[in-house]
């Protein structure tokens, strides 16, 4: 399992609840906004923002921001695989239901002969 030291240090402990993120840039800082999968009953926020001051004369990204973006990419890749797997499982379930109904229909038709 991947470690998310930077995200954990930012106070994000439930990594699996991360939905997606957006990075915006101003003249002096980068703003990372992370969104979460929440329910109406949840007391967790829907999103949280982090501000990172630009570093260096060329306004380079802060090292912590770069590390956080790398970890978020890992999270999203993992979630993409999980979502794809779930979609395939749902399709298999649906196909099994369709086939079972069709087989039942054919058996019913056979009894009429």
PDB file of N, CA and C in Angstrom:
ATOM      1  N   UNK A   1       0.842  -1.177   0.000  1.00  0.00           N
ATOM      2  CA  UNK A   1       0.000   0.000   0.000  1.00  0.00           C
ATOM      3  C   UNK A   1       0.888   1.241   0.000  1.00  0.00           C
ATOM      4  N   UNK A   2       0.507   2.187  -0.782  1.00  0.00           N
ATOM      5  CA  UNK A   2       1.293   3.414  -0.895  1.00  0.00           C
ATOM      6  C   UNK A   2       1.183   4.243   0.373  1.00  0.00           C
ATOM      7  N   UNK A   3       2.260   4.926   0.686  1.00  0.00           N
ATOM      8  CA  UNK A   3       2.251   5.839   1.826  1.00  0.00           C
ATOM      9  C   UNK A   3       2.020   7.246   1.314  1.00  0.00           C
ATOM     10  N   UNK A   4       1.267   7.991   2.068  1.00  0.00           N
ATOM     11  CA  UNK A   4       0.929   9.355   1.688  1.00  0.00           C
ATOM     12  C   UNK A   4       1.392  10.303   2.779  1.00  0.00           C
ATOM     13  N   UNK A   5       2.699  10.358   2.973  1.00  0.00           N
ATOM     14  CA  UNK A   5       3.272  11.147   4.063  1.00  0.00           C
ATOM     15  C   UNK A   5       2.934  12.633   3.951  1.00  0.00           C
ATOM     16  N   UNK A   6       3.011  13.182   2.757  1.00  0.00           N
ATOM     17  CA  UNK A   6       2.739  14.608   2.584  1.00  0.00           C
ATOM     18  C   UNK A   6       1.269  14.913   2.850  1.00  0.00           C
ATOM     19  N   UNK A   7       0.372  14.107   2.278  1.00  0.00           N
ATOM     20  CA  UNK A   7      -1.055  14.319   2.506  1.00  0.00           C
ATOM     21  C   UNK A   7      -1.405  14.137   3.974  1.00  0.00           C
ATOM     22  N   UNK A   8      -0.806  13.135   4.609  1.00  0.00           N
ATOM     23  CA  UNK A   8      -1.033  12.935   6.048  1.00  0.00           C
ATOM     24  C   UNK A   8      -0.550  14.136   6.849  1.00  0.00           C
ATOM     25  N   UNK A   9       0.609  14.677   6.483  1.00  0.00           N
ATOM     26  CA  UNK A   9       1.151  15.844   7.180  1.00  0.00           C
ATOM     27  C   UNK A   9       0.254  17.066   6.992  1.00  0.00           C
ATOM     28  N   UNK A  10      -0.500  17.092   5.899  1.00  0.00           N
ATOM     29  CA  UNK A  10      -1.423  18.190   5.645  1.00  0.00           C
ATOM     30  C   UNK A  10      -2.738  17.998   6.404  1.00  0.00           C
ATOM     31  N   UNK A  11      -2.839  16.881   7.149  1.00  0.00           N
ATOM     32  CA  UNK A  11      -4.032  16.616   7.933  1.00  0.00           C
ATOM     33  C   UNK A  11      -5.045  15.724   7.253  1.00  0.00           C
ATOM     34  N   UNK A  12      -4.697  15.179   6.106  1.00  0.00           N
ATOM     35  CA  UNK A  12      -5.601  14.300   5.371  1.00  0.00           C
ATOM     36  C   UNK A  12      -5.301  12.854   5.743  1.00  0.00           C
ATOM     37  N   UNK A  13      -6.158  12.277   6.559  1.00  0.00           N
ATOM     38  CA  UNK A  13      -5.913  10.918   7.033  1.00  0.00           C
ATOM     39  C   UNK A  13      -6.769   9.880   6.322  1.00  0.00           C
ATOM     40  N   UNK A  14      -7.953  10.262   5.841  1.00  0.00           N
ATOM     41  CA  UNK A  14      -8.825   9.333   5.131  1.00  0.00           C
ATOM     42  C   UNK A  14      -8.628   9.530   3.625  1.00  0.00           C
ATOM     43  N   UNK A  15      -7.548   8.986   3.123  1.00  0.00           N
ATOM     44  CA  UNK A  15      -7.155   9.183   1.730  1.00  0.00           C
ATOM     45  C   UNK A  15      -8.212   8.625   0.776  1.00  0.00           C
ATOM     46  N   UNK A  16      -8.881   7.550   1.163  1.00  0.00           N
ATOM     47  CA  UNK A  16      -9.864   6.928   0.277  1.00  0.00           C
ATOM     48  C   UNK A  16     -11.085   7.821   0.030  1.00  0.00           C
ATOM     49  N   UNK A  17     -11.283   8.838   0.860  1.00  0.00           N
ATOM     50  CA  UNK A  17     -12.440   9.723   0.673  1.00  0.00           C
ATOM     51  C   UNK A  17     -12.159  10.848  -0.325  1.00  0.00           C
ATOM     52  N   UNK A  18     -10.912  10.951  -0.809  1.00  0.00           N
ATOM     53  CA  UNK A  18     -10.568  12.004  -1.763  1.00  0.00           C
ATOM     54  C   UNK A  18     -11.242  11.715  -3.103  1.00  0.00           C
ATOM     55  N   UNK A  19     -11.925  12.721  -3.624  1.00  0.00           N
ATOM     56  CA  UNK A  19     -12.620  12.593  -4.897  1.00  0.00           C
ATOM     57  C   UNK A  19     -11.732  13.085  -6.042  1.00  0.00           C
ATOM     58  N   UNK A  20     -11.312  14.343  -5.954  1.00  0.00           N
ATOM     59  CA  UNK A  20     -10.462  14.935  -6.982  1.00  0.00           C
ATOM     60  C   UNK A  20      -9.851  16.218  -6.424  1.00  0.00           C
ATOM     61  N   UNK A  21      -9.005  16.844  -7.222  1.00  0.00           N
ATOM     62  CA  UNK A  21      -8.370  18.081  -6.775  1.00  0.00           C
ATOM     63  C   UNK A  21      -8.247  19.065  -7.931  1.00  0.00           C
ATOM     64  N   UNK A  22      -8.084  20.333  -7.556  1.00  0.00           N
ATOM     65  CA  UNK A  22      -7.880  21.403  -8.536  1.00  0.00           C
ATOM     66  C   UNK A  22      -6.727  22.263  -8.042  1.00  0.00           C
ATOM     67  N   UNK A  23      -5.850  22.621  -8.943  1.00  0.00           N
ATOM     68  CA  UNK A  23      -4.734  23.498  -8.621  1.00  0.00           C
ATOM     69  C   UNK A  23      -4.924  24.802  -9.374  1.00  0.00           C
ATOM     70  N   UNK A  24      -4.980  25.911  -8.638  1.00  0.00           N
ATOM     71  CA  UNK A  24      -5.061  27.227  -9.265  1.00  0.00           C
ATOM     72  C   UNK A  24      -3.831  28.026  -8.862  1.00  0.00           C
ATOM     73  N   UNK A  25      -3.508  29.001  -9.672  1.00  0.00           N
ATOM     74  CA  UNK A  25      -2.292  29.778  -9.462  1.00  0.00           C
ATOM     75  C   UNK A  25      -2.623  31.256  -9.420  1.00  0.00           C
ATOM     76  N   UNK A  26      -2.052  31.937  -8.443  1.00  0.00           N
ATOM     77  CA  UNK A  26      -2.114  33.389  -8.391  1.00  0.00           C
ATOM     78  C   UNK A  26      -0.691  33.896  -8.594  1.00  0.00           C
ATOM     79  N   UNK A  27      -0.508  35.185  -8.522  1.00  0.00           N
ATOM     80  CA  UNK A  27       0.823  35.753  -8.752  1.00  0.00           C
ATOM     81  C   UNK A  27       1.832  35.272  -7.717  1.00  0.00           C
ATOM     82  N   UNK A  28       1.416  35.129  -6.478  1.00  0.00           N
ATOM     83  CA  UNK A  28       2.374  34.820  -5.417  1.00  0.00           C
ATOM     84  C   UNK A  28       2.233  33.428  -4.826  1.00  0.00           C
ATOM     85  N   UNK A  29       1.140  32.716  -5.147  1.00  0.00           N
ATOM     86  CA  UNK A  29       0.958  31.406  -4.514  1.00  0.00           C
ATOM     87  C   UNK A  29       0.161  30.448  -5.393  1.00  0.00           C
ATOM     88  N   UNK A  30       0.260  29.178  -5.036  1.00  0.00           N
ATOM     89  CA  UNK A  30      -0.528  28.123  -5.655  1.00  0.00           C
ATOM     90  C   UNK A  30      -1.576  27.702  -4.638  1.00  0.00           C
ATOM     91  N   UNK A  31      -2.796  27.455  -5.106  1.00  0.00           N
ATOM     92  CA  UNK A  31      -3.879  27.037  -4.225  1.00  0.00           C
ATOM     93  C   UNK A  31      -4.323  25.646  -4.654  1.00  0.00           C
ATOM     94  N   UNK A  32      -4.169  24.688  -3.753  1.00  0.00           N
ATOM     95  CA  UNK A  32      -4.570  23.311  -3.995  1.00  0.00           C
ATOM     96  C   UNK A  32      -5.876  23.074  -3.258  1.00  0.00           C
ATOM     97  N   UNK A  33      -6.930  22.744  -4.001  1.00  0.00           N
ATOM     98  CA  UNK A  33      -8.233  22.465  -3.402  1.00  0.00           C
ATOM     99  C   UNK A  33      -8.526  20.988  -3.617  1.00  0.00           C
ATOM    100  N   UNK A  34      -8.743  20.287  -2.513  1.00  0.00           N
ATOM    101  CA  UNK A  34      -8.999  18.851  -2.552  1.00  0.00           C
ATOM    102  C   UNK A  34     -10.455  18.608  -2.178  1.00  0.00           C
ATOM    103  N   UNK A  35     -11.154  17.847  -3.017  1.00  0.00           N
ATOM    104  CA  UNK A  35     -12.566  17.536  -2.806  1.00  0.00           C
ATOM    105  C   UNK A  35     -12.705  16.113  -2.279  1.00  0.00           C
ATOM    106  N   UNK A  36     -13.774  15.897  -1.498  1.00  0.00           N
ATOM    107  CA  UNK A  36     -14.013  14.601  -0.871  1.00  0.00           C
ATOM    108  C   UNK A  36     -15.362  14.034  -1.294  1.00  0.00           C
ATOM    109  N   UNK A  37     -15.445  12.714  -1.270  1.00  0.00           N
ATOM    110  CA  UNK A  37     -16.725  12.042  -1.447  1.00  0.00           C
ATOM    111  C   UNK A  37     -17.427  12.097  -0.098  1.00  0.00           C
ATOM    112  N   UNK A  38     -18.522  12.812  -0.011  1.00  0.00           N
ATOM    113  CA  UNK A  38     -19.252  12.926   1.252  1.00  0.00           C
ATOM    114  C   UNK A  38     -20.719  12.616   1.019  1.00  0.00           C
ATOM    115  N   UNK A  39     -21.399  12.298   2.102  1.00  0.00           N
ATOM    116  CA  UNK A  39     -22.841  12.086   2.066  1.00  0.00           C
ATOM    117  C   UNK A  39     -23.508  13.254   2.768  1.00  0.00           C
ATOM    118  N   UNK A  40     -24.825  13.333   2.637  1.00  0.00           N
ATOM    119  CA  UNK A  40     -25.545  14.425   3.287  1.00  0.00           C
ATOM    120  C   UNK A  40     -25.413  14.353   4.808  1.00  0.00           C
ATOM    121  N   UNK A  41     -25.292  13.137   5.354  1.00  0.00           N
ATOM    122  CA  UNK A  41     -25.188  12.962   6.789  1.00  0.00           C
ATOM    123  C   UNK A  41     -23.773  13.203   7.319  1.00  0.00           C
ATOM    124  N   UNK A  42     -22.823  13.309   6.429  1.00  0.00           N
ATOM    125  CA  UNK A  42     -21.423  13.447   6.830  1.00  0.00           C
ATOM    126  C   UNK A  42     -21.157  14.812   7.457  1.00  0.00           C
ATOM    127  N   UNK A  43     -20.306  14.808   8.465  1.00  0.00           N
ATOM    128  CA  UNK A  43     -19.884  16.063   9.084  1.00  0.00           C
ATOM    129  C   UNK A  43     -18.571  16.564   8.489  1.00  0.00           C
ATOM    130  N   UNK A  44     -18.012  15.797   7.569  1.00  0.00           N
ATOM    131  CA  UNK A  44     -16.765  16.192   6.920  1.00  0.00           C
ATOM    132  C   UNK A  44     -17.035  17.283   5.889  1.00  0.00           C
ATOM    133  N   UNK A  45     -16.046  18.138   5.643  1.00  0.00           N
ATOM    134  CA  UNK A  45     -16.236  19.177   4.624  1.00  0.00           C
ATOM    135  C   UNK A  45     -16.257  18.561   3.231  1.00  0.00           C
ATOM    136  N   UNK A  46     -16.853  19.276   2.288  1.00  0.00           N
ATOM    137  CA  UNK A  46     -16.854  18.804   0.910  1.00  0.00           C
ATOM    138  C   UNK A  46     -15.504  19.032   0.246  1.00  0.00           C
ATOM    139  N   UNK A  47     -14.755  20.015   0.753  1.00  0.00           N
ATOM    140  CA  UNK A  47     -13.436  20.308   0.192  1.00  0.00           C
ATOM    141  C   UNK A  47     -12.598  21.037   1.226  1.00  0.00           C
ATOM    142  N   UNK A  48     -11.312  21.077   0.951  1.00  0.00           N
ATOM    143  CA  UNK A  48     -10.371  21.819   1.795  1.00  0.00           C
ATOM    144  C   UNK A  48      -9.316  22.434   0.882  1.00  0.00           C
ATOM    145  N   UNK A  49      -8.873  23.644   1.211  1.00  0.00           N
ATOM    146  CA  UNK A  49      -7.885  24.344   0.387  1.00  0.00           C
ATOM    147  C   UNK A  49      -6.579  24.523   1.140  1.00  0.00           C
ATOM    148  N   UNK A  50      -5.489  24.465   0.385  1.00  0.00           N
ATOM    149  CA  UNK A  50      -4.157  24.679   0.934  1.00  0.00           C
ATOM    150  C   UNK A  50      -3.449  25.710   0.059  1.00  0.00           C
ATOM    151  N   UNK A  51      -2.835  26.685   0.695  1.00  0.00           N
ATOM    152  CA  UNK A  51      -2.091  27.717  -0.029  1.00  0.00           C
ATOM    153  C   UNK A  51      -0.598  27.452   0.106  1.00  0.00           C
ATOM    154  N   UNK A  52       0.096  27.521  -1.012  1.00  0.00           N
ATOM    155  CA  UNK A  52       1.536  27.312  -1.052  1.00  0.00           C
ATOM    156  C   UNK A  52       2.179  28.542  -1.668  1.00  0.00           C
ATOM    157  N   UNK A  53       3.081  29.157  -0.923  1.00  0.00           N
ATOM    158  CA  UNK A  53       3.809  30.315  -1.446  1.00  0.00           C
ATOM    159  C   UNK A  53       4.727  29.846  -2.556  1.00  0.00           C
ATOM    160  N   UNK A  54       4.833  30.645  -3.590  1.00  0.00           N
ATOM    161  CA  UNK A  54       5.753  30.337  -4.674  1.00  0.00           C
ATOM    162  C   UNK A  54       7.180  30.460  -4.186  1.00  0.00           C
ATOM    163  N   UNK A  55       8.023  29.534  -4.590  1.00  0.00           N
ATOM    164  CA  UNK A  55       9.416  29.514  -4.150  1.00  0.00           C
ATOM    165  C   UNK A  55      10.339  29.921  -5.286  1.00  0.00           C
ATOM    166  N   UNK A  56      11.409  30.576  -4.956  1.00  0.00           N
ATOM    167  CA  UNK A  56      12.445  30.877  -5.928  1.00  0.00           C
ATOM    168  C   UNK A  56      12.129  32.038  -6.846  1.00  0.00           C
ATOM    169  N   UNK A  57      13.145  32.502  -7.562  1.00  0.00           N
ATOM    170  CA  UNK A  57      12.979  33.656  -8.452  1.00  0.00           C
ATOM    171  C   UNK A  57      12.106  33.356  -9.665  1.00  0.00           C
ATOM    172  N   UNK A  58      12.013  32.092 -10.091  1.00  0.00           N
ATOM    173  CA  UNK A  58      11.176  31.741 -11.240  1.00  0.00           C
ATOM    174  C   UNK A  58       9.779  31.296 -10.811  1.00  0.00           C
ATOM    175  N   UNK A  59       9.393  31.610  -9.568  1.00  0.00           N
ATOM    176  CA  UNK A  59       8.080  31.219  -9.062  1.00  0.00           C
ATOM    177  C   UNK A  59       7.846  29.715  -9.182  1.00  0.00           C
ATOM    178  N   UNK A  60       8.808  28.934  -8.790  1.00  0.00           N
ATOM    179  CA  UNK A  60       8.689  27.486  -8.840  1.00  0.00           C
ATOM    180  C   UNK A  60       7.718  27.010  -7.764  1.00  0.00           C
ATOM    181  N   UNK A  61       7.118  25.833  -8.015  1.00  0.00           N
ATOM    182  CA  UNK A  61       6.222  25.258  -7.024  1.00  0.00           C
ATOM    183  C   UNK A  61       7.001  24.856  -5.781  1.00  0.00           C
ATOM    184  N   UNK A  62       6.351  24.978  -4.635  1.00  0.00           N
ATOM    185  CA  UNK A  62       6.959  24.547  -3.380  1.00  0.00           C
ATOM    186  C   UNK A  62       7.129  23.031  -3.402  1.00  0.00           C
ATOM    187  N   UNK A  63       8.175  22.553  -2.743  1.00  0.00           N
ATOM    188  CA  UNK A  63       8.460  21.110  -2.714  1.00  0.00           C
ATOM    189  C   UNK A  63       7.288  20.331  -2.111  1.00  0.00           C
ATOM    190  N   UNK A  64       6.650  20.879  -1.082  1.00  0.00           N
ATOM    191  CA  UNK A  64       5.518  20.200  -0.452  1.00  0.00           C
ATOM    192  C   UNK A  64       4.346  20.070  -1.418  1.00  0.00           C
ATOM    193  N   UNK A  65       4.127  21.091  -2.218  1.00  0.00           N
ATOM    194  CA  UNK A  65       3.047  21.036  -3.207  1.00  0.00           C
ATOM    195  C   UNK A  65       3.345  19.981  -4.256  1.00  0.00           C
ATOM    196  N   UNK A  66       4.557  19.941  -4.726  1.00  0.00           N
ATOM    197  CA  UNK A  66       4.937  18.940  -5.725  1.00  0.00           C
ATOM    198  C   UNK A  66       4.749  17.525  -5.178  1.00  0.00           C
ATOM    199  N   UNK A  67       5.166  17.305  -3.927  1.00  0.00           N
ATOM    200  CA  UNK A  67       5.000  15.993  -3.302  1.00  0.00           C
ATOM    201  C   UNK A  67       3.520  15.659  -3.137  1.00  0.00           C
ATOM    202  N   UNK A  68       2.714  16.644  -2.741  1.00  0.00           N
ATOM    203  CA  UNK A  68       1.271  16.420  -2.582  1.00  0.00           C
ATOM    204  C   UNK A  68       0.626  16.064  -3.917  1.00  0.00           C
ATOM    205  N   UNK A  69       1.005  16.755  -4.983  1.00  0.00           N
ATOM    206  CA  UNK A  69       0.457  16.462  -6.307  1.00  0.00           C
ATOM    207  C   UNK A  69       0.842  15.058  -6.773  1.00  0.00           C
ATOM    208  N   UNK A  70       2.062  14.641  -6.479  1.00  0.00           N
ATOM    209  CA  UNK A  70       2.495  13.281  -6.818  1.00  0.00           C
ATOM    210  C   UNK A  70       1.645  12.246  -6.082  1.00  0.00           C
ATOM    211  N   UNK A  71       1.406  12.486  -4.793  1.00  0.00           N
ATOM    212  CA  UNK A  71       0.607  11.555  -4.004  1.00  0.00           C
ATOM    213  C   UNK A  71      -0.842  11.545  -4.480  1.00  0.00           C
ATOM    214  N   UNK A  72      -1.377  12.707  -4.832  1.00  0.00           N
ATOM    215  CA  UNK A  72      -2.746  12.776  -5.342  1.00  0.00           C
ATOM    216  C   UNK A  72      -2.874  12.026  -6.668  1.00  0.00           C
ATOM    217  N   UNK A  73      -1.847  12.075  -7.497  1.00  0.00           N
ATOM    218  CA  UNK A  73      -1.853  11.324  -8.754  1.00  0.00           C
ATOM    219  C   UNK A  73      -1.912   9.825  -8.469  1.00  0.00           C
ATOM    220  N   UNK A  74      -1.187   9.383  -7.452  1.00  0.00           N
ATOM    221  CA  UNK A  74      -1.218   7.970  -7.059  1.00  0.00           C
ATOM    222  C   UNK A  74      -2.605   7.585  -6.566  1.00  0.00           C
ATOM    223  N   UNK A  75      -3.216   8.456  -5.764  1.00  0.00           N
ATOM    224  CA  UNK A  75      -4.573   8.201  -5.253  1.00  0.00           C
ATOM    225  C   UNK A  75      -5.551   8.079  -6.414  1.00  0.00           C
ATOM    226  N   UNK A  76      -5.500   9.010  -7.344  1.00  0.00           N
ATOM    227  CA  UNK A  76      -6.436   9.005  -8.463  1.00  0.00           C
ATOM    228  C   UNK A  76      -6.233   7.803  -9.375  1.00  0.00           C
ATOM    229  N   UNK A  77      -4.990   7.379  -9.571  1.00  0.00           N
ATOM    230  CA  UNK A  77      -4.717   6.192 -10.373  1.00  0.00           C
ATOM    231  C   UNK A  77      -5.321   4.961  -9.706  1.00  0.00           C
ATOM    232  N   UNK A  78      -5.123   4.852  -8.410  1.00  0.00           N
ATOM    233  CA  UNK A  78      -5.668   3.732  -7.658  1.00  0.00           C
ATOM    234  C   UNK A  78      -7.190   3.722  -7.708  1.00  0.00           C
ATOM    235  N   UNK A  79      -7.796   4.899  -7.531  1.00  0.00           N
ATOM    236  CA  UNK A  79      -9.252   4.995  -7.572  1.00  0.00           C
ATOM    237  C   UNK A  79      -9.778   4.665  -8.958  1.00  0.00           C
ATOM    238  N   UNK A  80      -9.046   5.077  -9.983  1.00  0.00           N
ATOM    239  CA  UNK A  80      -9.459   4.770 -11.349  1.00  0.00           C
ATOM    240  C   UNK A  80      -9.524   3.275 -11.580  1.00  0.00           C
ATOM    241  N   UNK A  81      -8.549   2.556 -11.086  1.00  0.00           N
ATOM    242  CA  UNK A  81      -8.544   1.096 -11.211  1.00  0.00           C
ATOM    243  C   UNK A  81      -9.701   0.490 -10.442  1.00  0.00           C
ATOM    244  N   UNK A  82      -9.942   0.983  -9.237  1.00  0.00           N
ATOM    245  CA  UNK A  82     -11.028   0.471  -8.413  1.00  0.00           C
ATOM    246  C   UNK A  82     -12.370   0.739  -9.074  1.00  0.00           C
ATOM    247  N   UNK A  83     -12.558   1.941  -9.607  1.00  0.00           N
ATOM    248  CA  UNK A  83     -13.814   2.280 -10.275  1.00  0.00           C
ATOM    249  C   UNK A  83     -14.016   1.437 -11.528  1.00  0.00           C
ATOM    250  N   UNK A  84     -12.938   1.190 -12.272  1.00  0.00           N
ATOM    251  CA  UNK A  84     -13.030   0.361 -13.470  1.00  0.00           C
ATOM    252  C   UNK A  84     -13.413  -1.063 -13.091  1.00  0.00           C
ATOM    253  N   UNK A  85     -12.810  -1.589 -12.047  1.00  0.00           N
ATOM    254  CA  UNK A  85     -13.125  -2.939 -11.582  1.00  0.00           C
ATOM    255  C   UNK A  85     -14.583  -3.015 -11.162  1.00  0.00           C
ATOM    256  N   UNK A  86     -15.073  -2.013 -10.426  1.00  0.00           N
ATOM    257  CA  UNK A  86     -16.460  -2.010  -9.979  1.00  0.00           C
ATOM    258  C   UNK A  86     -17.417  -1.933 -11.164  1.00  0.00           C
ATOM    259  N   UNK A  87     -17.073  -1.129 -12.160  1.00  0.00           N
ATOM    260  CA  UNK A  87     -17.901  -1.016 -13.359  1.00  0.00           C
ATOM    261  C   UNK A  87     -17.997  -2.372 -14.073  1.00  0.00           C
ATOM    262  N   UNK A  88     -16.860  -3.094 -14.171  1.00  0.00           N
ATOM    263  CA  UNK A  88     -16.868  -4.417 -14.792  1.00  0.00           C
ATOM    264  C   UNK A  88     -17.716  -5.400 -13.997  1.00  0.00           C
ATOM    265  N   UNK A  89     -17.607  -5.365 -12.680  1.00  0.00           N
ATOM    266  CA  UNK A  89     -18.422  -6.241 -11.846  1.00  0.00           C
ATOM    267  C   UNK A  89     -19.907  -5.944 -12.021  1.00  0.00           C
ATOM    268  N   UNK A  90     -20.265  -4.677 -12.104  1.00  0.00           N
ATOM    269  CA  UNK A  90     -21.667  -4.293 -12.324  1.00  0.00           C
ATOM    270  C   UNK A  90     -22.163  -4.792 -13.674  1.00  0.00           C
ATOM    271  N   UNK A  91     -21.321  -4.688 -14.695  1.00  0.00           N
ATOM    272  CA  UNK A  91     -21.698  -5.164 -16.029  1.00  0.00           C
ATOM    273  C   UNK A  91     -21.880  -6.680 -16.044  1.00  0.00           C
ATOM    274  N   UNK A  92     -20.991  -7.388 -15.320  1.00  0.00           N
ATOM    275  CA  UNK A  92     -21.138  -8.844 -15.229  1.00  0.00           C
ATOM    276  C   UNK A  92     -22.436  -9.231 -14.529  1.00  0.00           C
ATOM    277  N   UNK A  93     -22.770  -8.544 -13.447  1.00  0.00           N
ATOM    278  CA  UNK A  93     -24.025  -8.813 -12.734  1.00  0.00           C
ATOM    279  C   UNK A  93     -25.221  -8.592 -13.652  1.00  0.00           C
ATOM    280  N   UNK A  94     -25.197  -7.490 -14.393  1.00  0.00           N
ATOM    281  CA  UNK A  94     -26.294  -7.183 -15.312  1.00  0.00           C
ATOM    282  C   UNK A  94     -26.406  -8.257 -16.401  1.00  0.00           C
ATOM    283  N   UNK A  95     -25.269  -8.657 -16.952  1.00  0.00           N
ATOM    284  CA  UNK A  95     -25.270  -9.679 -17.996  1.00  0.00           C
ATOM    285  C   UNK A  95     -25.834 -11.002 -17.466  1.00  0.00           C
ATOM    286  N   UNK A  96     -25.461 -11.363 -16.237  1.00  0.00           N
ATOM    287  CA  UNK A  96     -25.991 -12.587 -15.636  1.00  0.00           C
ATOM    288  C   UNK A  96     -27.509 -12.510 -15.490  1.00  0.00           C
ATOM    289  N   UNK A  97     -28.036 -11.357 -15.099  1.00  0.00           N
ATOM    290  CA  UNK A  97     -29.477 -11.189 -14.957  1.00  0.00           C
ATOM    291  C   UNK A  97     -30.181 -11.292 -16.307  1.00  0.00           C
ATOM    292  N   UNK A  98     -29.609 -10.667 -17.333  1.00  0.00           N
ATOM    293  CA  UNK A  98     -30.195 -10.716 -18.664  1.00  0.00           C
ATOM    294  C   UNK A  98     -30.199 -12.152 -19.184  1.00  0.00           C
ATOM    295  N   UNK A  99     -29.090 -12.850 -19.009  1.00  0.00           N
ATOM    296  CA  UNK A  99     -28.994 -14.232 -19.489  1.00  0.00           C
ATOM    297  C   UNK A  99     -29.964 -15.146 -18.741  1.00  0.00           C
ATOM    298  N   UNK A 100     -30.089 -14.957 -17.445  1.00  0.00           N
ATOM    299  CA  UNK A 100     -31.015 -15.773 -16.659  1.00  0.00           C
ATOM    300  C   UNK A 100     -32.451 -15.538 -17.122  1.00  0.00           C
ATOM    301  N   UNK A 101     -32.813 -14.292 -17.382  1.00  0.00           N
ATOM    302  CA  UNK A 101     -34.162 -13.985 -17.862  1.00  0.00           C
ATOM    303  C   UNK A 101     -34.398 -14.594 -19.243  1.00  0.00           C
ATOM    304  N   UNK A 102     -33.419 -14.514 -20.120  1.00  0.00           N
ATOM    305  CA  UNK A 102     -33.550 -15.071 -21.475  1.00  0.00           C
ATOM    306  C   UNK A 102     -33.671 -16.588 -21.423  1.00  0.00           C
ATOM    307  N   UNK A 103     -32.863 -17.229 -20.581  1.00  0.00           N
ATOM    308  CA  UNK A 103     -32.955 -18.686 -20.440  1.00  0.00           C
ATOM    309  C   UNK A 103     -34.323 -19.094 -19.908  1.00  0.00           C
ATOM    310  N   UNK A 104     -34.844 -18.357 -18.945  1.00  0.00           N
ATOM    311  CA  UNK A 104     -36.163 -18.647 -18.401  1.00  0.00           C
ATOM    312  C   UNK A 104     -37.235 -18.491 -19.477  1.00  0.00           C
ATOM    313  N   UNK A 105     -37.110 -17.457 -20.289  1.00  0.00           N
ATOM    314  CA  UNK A 105     -38.053 -17.226 -21.385  1.00  0.00           C
ATOM    315  C   UNK A 105     -38.023 -18.376 -22.387  1.00  0.00           C
ATOM    316  N   UNK A 106     -36.836 -18.836 -22.731  1.00  0.00           N
ATOM    317  CA  UNK A 106     -36.700 -19.933 -23.683  1.00  0.00           C
ATOM    318  C   UNK A 106     -37.263 -21.226 -23.112  1.00  0.00           C
ATOM    319  N   UNK A 107     -37.036 -21.486 -21.834  1.00  0.00           N
ATOM    320  CA  UNK A 107     -37.589 -22.689 -21.190  1.00  0.00           C
ATOM    321  C   UNK A 107     -39.114 -22.641 -21.184  1.00  0.00           C
ATOM    322  N   UNK A 108     -39.632 -21.438 -20.935  1.00  0.00           N
ATOM    323  CA  UNK A 108     -41.081 -21.268 -20.945  1.00  0.00           C
ATOM    324  C   UNK A 108     -41.647 -21.523 -22.333  1.00  0.00           C
ATOM    325  N   UNK A 109     -40.944 -21.038 -23.349  1.00  0.00           N
ATOM    326  CA  UNK A 109     -41.379 -21.271 -24.734  1.00  0.00           C
ATOM    327  C   UNK A 109     -41.355 -22.764 -25.074  1.00  0.00           C
ATOM    328  N   UNK A 110     -40.384 -23.503 -24.568  1.00  0.00           N
ATOM    329  CA  UNK A 110     -40.270 -24.924 -24.837  1.00  0.00           C
ATOM    330  C   UNK A 110     -41.432 -25.725 -24.250  1.00  0.00           C
ATOM    331  N   UNK A 111     -41.960 -25.267 -23.128  1.00  0.00           N
ATOM    332  CA  UNK A 111     -43.073 -25.997 -22.511  1.00  0.00           C
ATOM    333  C   UNK A 111     -44.357 -25.888 -23.315  1.00  0.00           C
ATOM    334  N   UNK A 112     -44.423 -24.961 -24.241  1.00  0.00           N
ATOM    335  CA  UNK A 112     -45.622 -24.778 -25.068  1.00  0.00           C
ATOM    336  C   UNK A 112     -45.665 -25.770 -26.215  1.00  0.00           C
ATOM    337  N   UNK A 113     -44.598 -26.510 -26.470  1.00  0.00           N
ATOM    338  CA  UNK A 113     -44.587 -27.479 -27.571  1.00  0.00           C
ATOM    339  C   UNK A 113     -45.060 -28.816 -27.119  1.00  0.00           C
TER     340      UNK A 113
END
